[in-house]
Amino acid sequence: MKTTVTGKNIVVSDKIQEFIDKKFAKMDKIFPDDTQAKVLMHPEQAKVKVEATISTKGNLFRAESVAQDINDAIDEVAEKLLKQLSKYKKKLVKRNKGKGSVRYEEIPDLEQAEEKESTIVKTKKFTLTPMTSEEAILQMELLEHNFFVFLDAESGNVNVVYKRNDEDYGLLETEH
């Protein structure tokens, strides 16, 4: 796995790079050689935030952590990613039962407890209305939701606005 580490207002020392490489080396057995891992570190108030994204064969795994110590944040991100991979592996094994093949190598099983199978329990249909992202945020707030799907008036694409944990907003833009 190729790991790209960047620091925003943080110097990425050789020691930090080696620590990240060591943590992500555990995932080398799981992913093909062409897998990309991107790690971004930046200060957040008196702490450091570490965000990691692994992109492979159409799948995206992402984790983030905020901690006082950069090594603690890296540890937590690596643990979160391994949990996601474990859950994904269980679903692949269940889906491919009897076929004898699974997409990735053996993923470490971090969760001993049996997990409840997630199912769709409710479906909603609605008409997409062309609007700006500011109008979509207003609609989201009026409905007291934490996200809102809308048709972007300028591009004609389906987009999503959402409320972030830091109380700001995010925008997911789609492309054709």
C-alpha atoms as a PDB file:
ATOM      1  CA  MET A   1       0.000   0.000   0.000  1.00  0.00           C
ATOM      2  CA  LYS A   2       1.301   3.445  -0.891  1.00  0.00           C
ATOM      3  CA  THR A   3       0.791   5.915   1.976  1.00  0.00           C
ATOM      4  CA  THR A   4       0.864   9.657   1.299  1.00  0.00           C
ATOM      5  CA  VAL A   5       1.184  11.775   4.441  1.00  0.00           C
ATOM      6  CA  THR A   6       0.635  15.513   4.399  1.00  0.00           C
ATOM      7  CA  GLY A   7       0.594  18.009   7.204  1.00  0.00           C
ATOM      8  CA  LYS A   8      -1.381  21.217   7.205  1.00  0.00           C
ATOM      9  CA  ASN A   9       0.557  23.560   9.516  1.00  0.00           C
ATOM     10  CA  ILE A  10       2.296  20.449  10.918  1.00  0.00           C
ATOM     11  CA  VAL A  11       5.753  19.268   9.917  1.00  0.00           C
ATOM     12  CA  VAL A  12       5.692  15.570   9.060  1.00  0.00           C
ATOM     13  CA  SER A  13       8.972  14.318  10.498  1.00  0.00           C
ATOM     14  CA  ASP A  14      10.651  11.068   9.461  1.00  0.00           C
ATOM     15  CA  LYS A  15       9.686   9.643  12.868  1.00  0.00           C
ATOM     16  CA  ILE A  16       5.967  10.388  12.277  1.00  0.00           C
ATOM     17  CA  GLN A  17       6.182   9.000   8.724  1.00  0.00           C
ATOM     18  CA  GLU A  18       7.784   5.779  10.039  1.00  0.00           C
ATOM     19  CA  PHE A  19       5.113   5.446  12.756  1.00  0.00           C
ATOM     20  CA  ILE A  20       2.319   5.818  10.171  1.00  0.00           C
ATOM     21  CA  ASP A  21       4.026   3.379   7.800  1.00  0.00           C
ATOM     22  CA  LYS A  22       4.308   0.857  10.656  1.00  0.00           C
ATOM     23  CA  LYS A  23       0.612   1.210  11.580  1.00  0.00           C
ATOM     24  CA  PHE A  24      -0.552   0.969   7.977  1.00  0.00           C
ATOM     25  CA  ALA A  25       1.801  -1.943   7.229  1.00  0.00           C
ATOM     26  CA  LYS A  26      -0.723  -4.190   9.014  1.00  0.00           C
ATOM     27  CA  MET A  27      -3.147  -3.347   6.238  1.00  0.00           C
ATOM     28  CA  ASP A  28      -0.667  -4.284   3.488  1.00  0.00           C
ATOM     29  CA  LYS A  29      -1.758  -7.922   3.831  1.00  0.00           C
ATOM     30  CA  ILE A  30      -5.358  -6.898   3.233  1.00  0.00           C
ATOM     31  CA  PHE A  31      -5.092  -4.705   0.170  1.00  0.00           C
ATOM     32  CA  PRO A  32      -3.587  -5.114  -3.300  1.00  0.00           C
ATOM     33  CA  ASP A  33      -0.308  -3.317  -4.075  1.00  0.00           C
ATOM     34  CA  ASP A  34      -2.042  -0.561  -6.073  1.00  0.00           C
ATOM     35  CA  THR A  35      -4.005   0.654  -3.027  1.00  0.00           C
ATOM     36  CA  GLN A  36      -3.632   4.306  -2.045  1.00  0.00           C
ATOM     37  CA  ALA A  37      -3.805   5.566   1.547  1.00  0.00           C
ATOM     38  CA  LYS A  38      -3.896   9.302   2.204  1.00  0.00           C
ATOM     39  CA  VAL A  39      -3.240  10.670   5.677  1.00  0.00           C
ATOM     40  CA  LEU A  40      -3.793  14.342   6.507  1.00  0.00           C
ATOM     41  CA  MET A  41      -2.762  15.891   9.812  1.00  0.00           C
ATOM     42  CA  HIS A  42      -3.601  19.366  11.021  1.00  0.00           C
ATOM     43  CA  PRO A  43      -3.905  21.238  14.313  1.00  0.00           C
ATOM     44  CA  GLU A  44      -7.370  21.632  15.805  1.00  0.00           C
ATOM     45  CA  GLN A  45      -7.441  23.998  18.770  1.00  0.00           C
ATOM     46  CA  ALA A  46      -4.842  22.605  21.245  1.00  0.00           C
ATOM     47  CA  LYS A  47      -4.960  19.127  19.686  1.00  0.00           C
ATOM     48  CA  VAL A  48      -4.065  17.412  16.441  1.00  0.00           C
ATOM     49  CA  LYS A  49      -6.533  15.918  13.955  1.00  0.00           C
ATOM     50  CA  VAL A  50      -5.566  12.937  11.800  1.00  0.00           C
ATOM     51  CA  GLU A  51      -7.720  11.931   8.824  1.00  0.00           C
ATOM     52  CA  ALA A  52      -7.027   8.824   6.739  1.00  0.00           C
ATOM     53  CA  THR A  53      -8.682   7.608   3.548  1.00  0.00           C
ATOM     54  CA  ILE A  54      -7.993   4.304   1.799  1.00  0.00           C
ATOM     55  CA  SER A  55      -9.241   3.963  -1.760  1.00  0.00           C
ATOM     56  CA  THR A  56      -9.195   0.574  -3.455  1.00  0.00           C
ATOM     57  CA  LYS A  57     -11.171  -1.076  -6.257  1.00  0.00           C
ATOM     58  CA  GLY A  58     -14.170   1.203  -5.947  1.00  0.00           C
ATOM     59  CA  ASN A  59     -14.320   1.030  -2.142  1.00  0.00           C
ATOM     60  CA  LEU A  60     -13.541   3.871   0.224  1.00  0.00           C
ATOM     61  CA  PHE A  61     -12.578   3.480   3.884  1.00  0.00           C
ATOM     62  CA  ARG A  62     -12.224   6.633   5.989  1.00  0.00           C
ATOM     63  CA  ALA A  63     -11.457   7.447   9.614  1.00  0.00           C
ATOM     64  CA  GLU A  64     -10.486  10.475  11.655  1.00  0.00           C
ATOM     65  CA  SER A  65      -9.414  11.193  15.205  1.00  0.00           C
ATOM     66  CA  VAL A  66      -8.594  14.207  17.356  1.00  0.00           C
ATOM     67  CA  ALA A  67      -6.164  13.774  20.270  1.00  0.00           C
ATOM     68  CA  GLN A  68      -3.569  15.632  22.328  1.00  0.00           C
ATOM     69  CA  ASP A  69      -0.788  13.360  21.098  1.00  0.00           C
ATOM     70  CA  ILE A  70      -0.271  12.743  17.382  1.00  0.00           C
ATOM     71  CA  ASN A  71       0.659   9.083  17.972  1.00  0.00           C
ATOM     72  CA  ASP A  72      -2.607   8.493  19.874  1.00  0.00           C
ATOM     73  CA  ALA A  73      -4.575  10.006  16.985  1.00  0.00           C
ATOM     74  CA  ILE A  74      -2.731   7.815  14.449  1.00  0.00           C
ATOM     75  CA  ASP A  75      -3.351   4.705  16.611  1.00  0.00           C
ATOM     76  CA  GLU A  76      -7.069   5.461  16.832  1.00  0.00           C
ATOM     77  CA  VAL A  77      -7.389   6.081  13.085  1.00  0.00           C
ATOM     78  CA  ALA A  78      -5.628   2.795  12.301  1.00  0.00           C
ATOM     79  CA  GLU A  79      -7.893   0.928  14.750  1.00  0.00           C
ATOM     80  CA  LYS A  80     -11.033   2.479  13.239  1.00  0.00           C
ATOM     81  CA  LEU A  81      -9.933   1.497   9.741  1.00  0.00           C
ATOM     82  CA  LEU A  82      -9.247  -2.097  10.815  1.00  0.00           C
ATOM     83  CA  LYS A  83     -12.733  -2.277  12.388  1.00  0.00           C
ATOM     84  CA  GLN A  84     -14.299  -1.044   9.157  1.00  0.00           C
ATOM     85  CA  LEU A  85     -12.329  -3.628   7.203  1.00  0.00           C
ATOM     86  CA  SER A  86     -13.382  -6.395   9.589  1.00  0.00           C
ATOM     87  CA  LYS A  87     -17.046  -5.484   9.179  1.00  0.00           C
ATOM     88  CA  TYR A  88     -16.645  -5.305   5.390  1.00  0.00           C
ATOM     89  CA  LYS A  89     -14.904  -8.687   5.338  1.00  0.00           C
ATOM     90  CA  LYS A  90     -17.794 -10.282   7.288  1.00  0.00           C
ATOM     91  CA  LYS A  91     -20.303  -8.938   4.777  1.00  0.00           C
ATOM     92  CA  LEU A  92     -18.237 -10.184   1.824  1.00  0.00           C
ATOM     93  CA  VAL A  93     -17.906 -13.644   3.346  1.00  0.00           C
ATOM     94  CA  LYS A  94     -21.638 -13.792   4.041  1.00  0.00           C
ATOM     95  CA  ARG A  95     -22.539 -12.537   0.551  1.00  0.00           C
ATOM     96  CA  ASN A  96     -20.152 -14.954  -1.181  1.00  0.00           C
ATOM     97  CA  LYS A  97     -21.068 -17.962   0.953  1.00  0.00           C
ATOM     98  CA  GLY A  98     -20.548 -21.113  -1.036  1.00  0.00           C
ATOM     99  CA  LYS A  99     -18.633 -19.375  -3.838  1.00  0.00           C
ATOM    100  CA  GLY A 100     -15.302 -19.809  -2.084  1.00  0.00           C
ATOM    101  CA  SER A 101     -13.909 -16.401  -3.065  1.00  0.00           C
ATOM    102  CA  VAL A 102     -13.599 -13.084  -1.291  1.00  0.00           C
ATOM    103  CA  ARG A 103     -12.092  -9.865  -2.688  1.00  0.00           C
ATOM    104  CA  TYR A 104      -9.401  -9.219  -0.080  1.00  0.00           C
ATOM    105  CA  GLU A 105      -6.954 -11.314   1.866  1.00  0.00           C
ATOM    106  CA  GLU A 106      -7.776 -12.286   5.456  1.00  0.00           C
ATOM    107  CA  ILE A 107      -8.865  -9.241   7.449  1.00  0.00           C
ATOM    108  CA  PRO A 108      -8.104  -9.339  11.195  1.00  0.00           C
ATOM    109  CA  ASP A 109     -11.306  -9.978  13.160  1.00  0.00           C
ATOM    110  CA  LEU A 110     -11.409  -7.199  15.745  1.00  0.00           C
ATOM    111  CA  GLU A 111     -15.056  -7.590  16.692  1.00  0.00           C
ATOM    112  CA  GLN A 112     -15.815 -10.810  18.571  1.00  0.00           C
ATOM    113  CA  ALA A 113     -19.503 -10.066  19.169  1.00  0.00           C
ATOM    114  CA  GLU A 114     -22.049 -11.069  16.538  1.00  0.00           C
ATOM    115  CA  GLU A 115     -23.349  -7.991  14.730  1.00  0.00           C
ATOM    116  CA  LYS A 116     -26.965  -7.419  13.799  1.00  0.00           C
ATOM    117  CA  GLU A 117     -27.523  -7.388  10.028  1.00  0.00           C
ATOM    118  CA  SER A 118     -28.491  -3.899   8.866  1.00  0.00           C
ATOM    119  CA  THR A 119     -31.609  -3.636   6.724  1.00  0.00           C
ATOM    120  CA  ILE A 120     -33.560  -0.849   5.078  1.00  0.00           C
ATOM    121  CA  VAL A 121     -36.594  -0.262   7.293  1.00  0.00           C
ATOM    122  CA  LYS A 122     -38.020   2.860   5.670  1.00  0.00           C
ATOM    123  CA  THR A 123     -38.126   4.325   2.174  1.00  0.00           C
ATOM    124  CA  LYS A 124     -38.980   7.907   1.286  1.00  0.00           C
ATOM    125  CA  LYS A 125     -39.623   9.363  -2.143  1.00  0.00           C
ATOM    126  CA  PHE A 126     -39.465  13.067  -2.859  1.00  0.00           C
ATOM    127  CA  THR A 127     -39.155  15.453  -5.772  1.00  0.00           C
ATOM    128  CA  LEU A 128     -35.812  17.174  -6.239  1.00  0.00           C
ATOM    129  CA  THR A 129     -36.225  20.922  -6.496  1.00  0.00           C
ATOM    130  CA  PRO A 130     -33.573  23.091  -8.164  1.00  0.00           C
ATOM    131  CA  MET A 131     -31.986  25.401  -5.581  1.00  0.00           C
ATOM    132  CA  THR A 132     -28.689  26.827  -4.384  1.00  0.00           C
ATOM    133  CA  SER A 133     -26.685  25.232  -1.576  1.00  0.00           C
ATOM    134  CA  GLU A 134     -27.687  28.130   0.723  1.00  0.00           C
ATOM    135  CA  GLU A 135     -31.376  27.414   0.069  1.00  0.00           C
ATOM    136  CA  ALA A 136     -30.750  23.712   0.704  1.00  0.00           C
ATOM    137  CA  ILE A 137     -29.128  24.510   4.070  1.00  0.00           C
ATOM    138  CA  LEU A 138     -32.160  26.616   4.993  1.00  0.00           C
ATOM    139  CA  GLN A 139     -34.500  23.752   4.038  1.00  0.00           C
ATOM    140  CA  MET A 140     -32.386  21.303   6.042  1.00  0.00           C
ATOM    141  CA  GLU A 141     -32.546  23.548   9.111  1.00  0.00           C
ATOM    142  CA  LEU A 142     -36.311  24.069   8.739  1.00  0.00           C
ATOM    143  CA  LEU A 143     -36.835  20.292   8.590  1.00  0.00           C
ATOM    144  CA  GLU A 144     -34.405  19.807  11.498  1.00  0.00           C
ATOM    145  CA  HIS A 145     -32.450  17.186   9.533  1.00  0.00           C
ATOM    146  CA  ASN A 146     -28.693  16.722   9.519  1.00  0.00           C
ATOM    147  CA  PHE A 147     -28.522  16.378   5.700  1.00  0.00           C
ATOM    148  CA  PHE A 148     -30.561  17.451   2.669  1.00  0.00           C
ATOM    149  CA  VAL A 149     -30.548  16.153  -0.932  1.00  0.00           C
ATOM    150  CA  PHE A 150     -31.226  18.729  -3.649  1.00  0.00           C
ATOM    151  CA  LEU A 151     -30.854  19.480  -7.353  1.00  0.00           C
ATOM    152  CA  ASP A 152     -28.186  22.146  -7.828  1.00  0.00           C
ATOM    153  CA  ALA A 153     -29.731  25.042  -9.788  1.00  0.00           C
ATOM    154  CA  GLU A 154     -26.458  25.900 -11.562  1.00  0.00           C
ATOM    155  CA  SER A 155     -25.022  22.485 -12.476  1.00  0.00           C
ATOM    156  CA  GLY A 156     -28.215  20.400 -12.597  1.00  0.00           C
ATOM    157  CA  ASN A 157     -26.462  17.712 -10.512  1.00  0.00           C
ATOM    158  CA  VAL A 158     -27.847  16.019  -7.424  1.00  0.00           C
ATOM    159  CA  ASN A 159     -25.960  17.318  -4.378  1.00  0.00           C
ATOM    160  CA  VAL A 160     -26.154  16.884  -0.602  1.00  0.00           C
ATOM    161  CA  VAL A 161     -25.588  19.424   2.159  1.00  0.00           C
ATOM    162  CA  TYR A 162     -24.947  18.146   5.671  1.00  0.00           C
ATOM    163  CA  LYS A 163     -24.290  19.390   9.197  1.00  0.00           C
ATOM    164  CA  ARG A 164     -20.763  18.646  10.390  1.00  0.00           C
ATOM    165  CA  ASN A 165     -19.759  17.759  13.954  1.00  0.00           C
ATOM    166  CA  ASP A 166     -18.102  21.170  14.282  1.00  0.00           C
ATOM    167  CA  GLU A 167     -21.516  22.799  13.547  1.00  0.00           C
ATOM    168  CA  ASP A 168     -20.395  23.989  10.092  1.00  0.00           C
ATOM    169  CA  TYR A 169     -21.830  22.607   6.860  1.00  0.00           C
ATOM    170  CA  GLY A 170     -20.474  20.269   4.209  1.00  0.00           C
ATOM    171  CA  LEU A 171     -21.431  19.899   0.545  1.00  0.00           C
ATOM    172  CA  LEU A 172     -21.250  16.661  -1.434  1.00  0.00           C
ATOM    173  CA  GLU A 173     -21.222  17.369  -5.165  1.00  0.00           C
ATOM    174  CA  THR A 174     -21.920  14.651  -7.717  1.00  0.00           C
ATOM    175  CA  GLU A 175     -20.540  14.349 -11.239  1.00  0.00           C
ATOM    176  CA  HIS A 176     -21.779  12.447 -14.271  1.00  0.00           C
END
